[in-house]
C-alpha cells in the first residue's frame, strides 16, 4: 500500500502495524520535514 492511498487514521494505524518494515525517506531540510508533517496532519483532519 502506498501512503498516498491512506484516507483515515485507522488505515494509517494498520499500515504502520504491518509486519513488514517501512522505509522512510528523510526530508531535505527541517522546513521540508515540517511541511510534510503538516500536510499529512491536515489530510487526516488533525488541526495544526
N, C-alpha and C. Protein backbone atom coordinates (compact mmCIF):
# COMPACT_ATOMS: atom_id res chain seq x y z
N UNK A 1 0.85 -1.18 0.00
CA UNK A 1 0.00 0.00 0.00
C UNK A 1 0.89 1.24 0.00
N UNK A 2 0.52 2.18 -0.78
CA UNK A 2 1.22 3.46 -0.85
C UNK A 2 0.60 4.42 0.15
N UNK A 3 1.41 5.22 0.80
CA UNK A 3 0.92 6.16 1.82
C UNK A 3 -0.10 7.13 1.21
N UNK A 4 -0.02 7.40 -0.07
CA UNK A 4 -0.99 8.29 -0.72
C UNK A 4 -2.40 7.69 -0.75
N UNK A 5 -2.50 6.37 -0.61
CA UNK A 5 -3.81 5.70 -0.62
C UNK A 5 -4.51 5.77 0.73
N UNK A 6 -3.80 6.14 1.78
CA UNK A 6 -4.38 6.17 3.12
C UNK A 6 -5.32 7.36 3.26
N UNK A 7 -6.52 7.10 3.75
CA UNK A 7 -7.53 8.15 3.89
C UNK A 7 -7.99 8.37 5.33
N UNK A 8 -7.75 7.40 6.20
CA UNK A 8 -8.23 7.51 7.58
C UNK A 8 -7.11 7.18 8.56
N UNK A 9 -7.30 7.59 9.81
CA UNK A 9 -6.34 7.27 10.87
C UNK A 9 -6.27 5.75 11.05
N UNK A 10 -7.40 5.06 10.93
CA UNK A 10 -7.43 3.59 11.07
C UNK A 10 -6.56 2.94 10.00
N UNK A 11 -6.63 3.44 8.77
CA UNK A 11 -5.80 2.90 7.69
C UNK A 11 -4.33 3.19 7.97
N UNK A 12 -4.02 4.37 8.47
CA UNK A 12 -2.65 4.73 8.81
C UNK A 12 -2.12 3.80 9.90
N UNK A 13 -2.93 3.56 10.91
CA UNK A 13 -2.53 2.68 12.01
C UNK A 13 -2.26 1.26 11.50
N UNK A 14 -3.15 0.75 10.66
CA UNK A 14 -2.96 -0.59 10.09
C UNK A 14 -1.69 -0.64 9.25
N UNK A 15 -1.43 0.39 8.49
CA UNK A 15 -0.22 0.48 7.66
C UNK A 15 1.03 0.41 8.52
N UNK A 16 1.04 1.16 9.62
CA UNK A 16 2.21 1.21 10.49
C UNK A 16 2.39 -0.07 11.31
N UNK A 17 1.31 -0.82 11.53
CA UNK A 17 1.38 -2.05 12.32
C UNK A 17 1.68 -3.29 11.50
N UNK A 18 1.89 -3.14 10.21
CA UNK A 18 2.21 -4.30 9.37
C UNK A 18 3.51 -4.94 9.83
N UNK A 19 3.65 -6.21 9.53
CA UNK A 19 4.84 -6.93 9.97
C UNK A 19 6.06 -6.61 9.11
N UNK A 20 5.86 -6.07 7.94
CA UNK A 20 6.98 -5.75 7.07
C UNK A 20 7.55 -4.39 7.44
N UNK A 21 8.87 -4.24 7.32
CA UNK A 21 9.49 -2.95 7.64
C UNK A 21 8.99 -1.85 6.70
N UNK A 22 8.92 -0.66 7.24
CA UNK A 22 8.52 0.51 6.46
C UNK A 22 9.75 1.39 6.31
N UNK A 23 10.03 1.80 5.08
CA UNK A 23 11.19 2.66 4.83
C UNK A 23 10.72 4.11 4.74
N UNK A 24 11.37 4.96 5.50
CA UNK A 24 11.06 6.38 5.46
C UNK A 24 12.23 7.13 4.85
N UNK A 25 11.93 8.14 4.08
CA UNK A 25 12.97 8.95 3.48
C UNK A 25 13.07 10.26 4.26
N UNK A 26 14.27 10.64 4.60
CA UNK A 26 14.49 11.86 5.37
C UNK A 26 14.31 13.07 4.46
N UNK A 27 13.61 14.06 4.97
CA UNK A 27 13.39 15.30 4.20
C UNK A 27 14.72 16.01 3.98
N UNK A 28 14.76 16.81 2.93
CA UNK A 28 15.98 17.53 2.60
C UNK A 28 16.42 18.51 3.66
N UNK A 29 15.46 19.14 4.34
CA UNK A 29 15.79 20.08 5.41
C UNK A 29 14.65 20.10 6.42
N UNK A 30 14.87 20.77 7.51
CA UNK A 30 13.89 20.79 8.60
C UNK A 30 12.55 21.37 8.14
N UNK A 31 12.58 22.46 7.37
CA UNK A 31 11.33 23.08 6.89
C UNK A 31 10.54 22.13 5.99
N UNK A 32 11.23 21.39 5.14
CA UNK A 32 10.56 20.41 4.28
C UNK A 32 9.91 19.33 5.13
N UNK A 33 10.59 18.91 6.18
CA UNK A 33 10.02 17.92 7.09
C UNK A 33 8.76 18.42 7.77
N UNK A 34 8.80 19.67 8.23
CA UNK A 34 7.62 20.25 8.86
C UNK A 34 6.47 20.39 7.87
N UNK A 35 6.75 20.75 6.63
CA UNK A 35 5.68 20.85 5.62
C UNK A 35 5.06 19.49 5.37
N UNK A 36 5.90 18.44 5.33
CA UNK A 36 5.41 17.09 5.10
C UNK A 36 4.48 16.67 6.24
N UNK A 37 4.92 16.91 7.48
CA UNK A 37 4.10 16.56 8.65
C UNK A 37 2.80 17.34 8.64
N UNK A 38 2.86 18.65 8.36
CA UNK A 38 1.66 19.47 8.33
C UNK A 38 0.68 18.99 7.26
N UNK A 39 1.21 18.61 6.09
CA UNK A 39 0.36 18.09 5.00
C UNK A 39 -0.42 16.87 5.46
N UNK A 40 0.29 15.90 6.07
CA UNK A 40 -0.39 14.67 6.46
C UNK A 40 -1.30 14.87 7.66
N UNK A 41 -0.95 15.74 8.57
CA UNK A 41 -1.88 16.03 9.68
C UNK A 41 -3.17 16.63 9.15
N UNK A 42 -3.05 17.59 8.25
CA UNK A 42 -4.26 18.22 7.69
C UNK A 42 -5.05 17.23 6.85
N UNK A 43 -4.36 16.34 6.18
CA UNK A 43 -5.03 15.35 5.35
C UNK A 43 -5.91 14.41 6.18
N UNK A 44 -5.47 14.13 7.40
CA UNK A 44 -6.25 13.26 8.27
C UNK A 44 -7.15 14.06 9.22
N UNK A 45 -7.28 15.37 8.97
CA UNK A 45 -8.20 16.18 9.74
C UNK A 45 -7.68 16.58 11.10
N UNK A 46 -6.37 16.53 11.31
CA UNK A 46 -5.79 16.94 12.59
C UNK A 46 -5.40 18.40 12.50
N UNK A 47 -5.89 19.19 13.41
CA UNK A 47 -5.60 20.62 13.43
C UNK A 47 -4.15 20.87 13.84
N UNK A 48 -3.48 21.80 13.14
CA UNK A 48 -2.08 22.10 13.50
C UNK A 48 -1.97 23.39 14.26
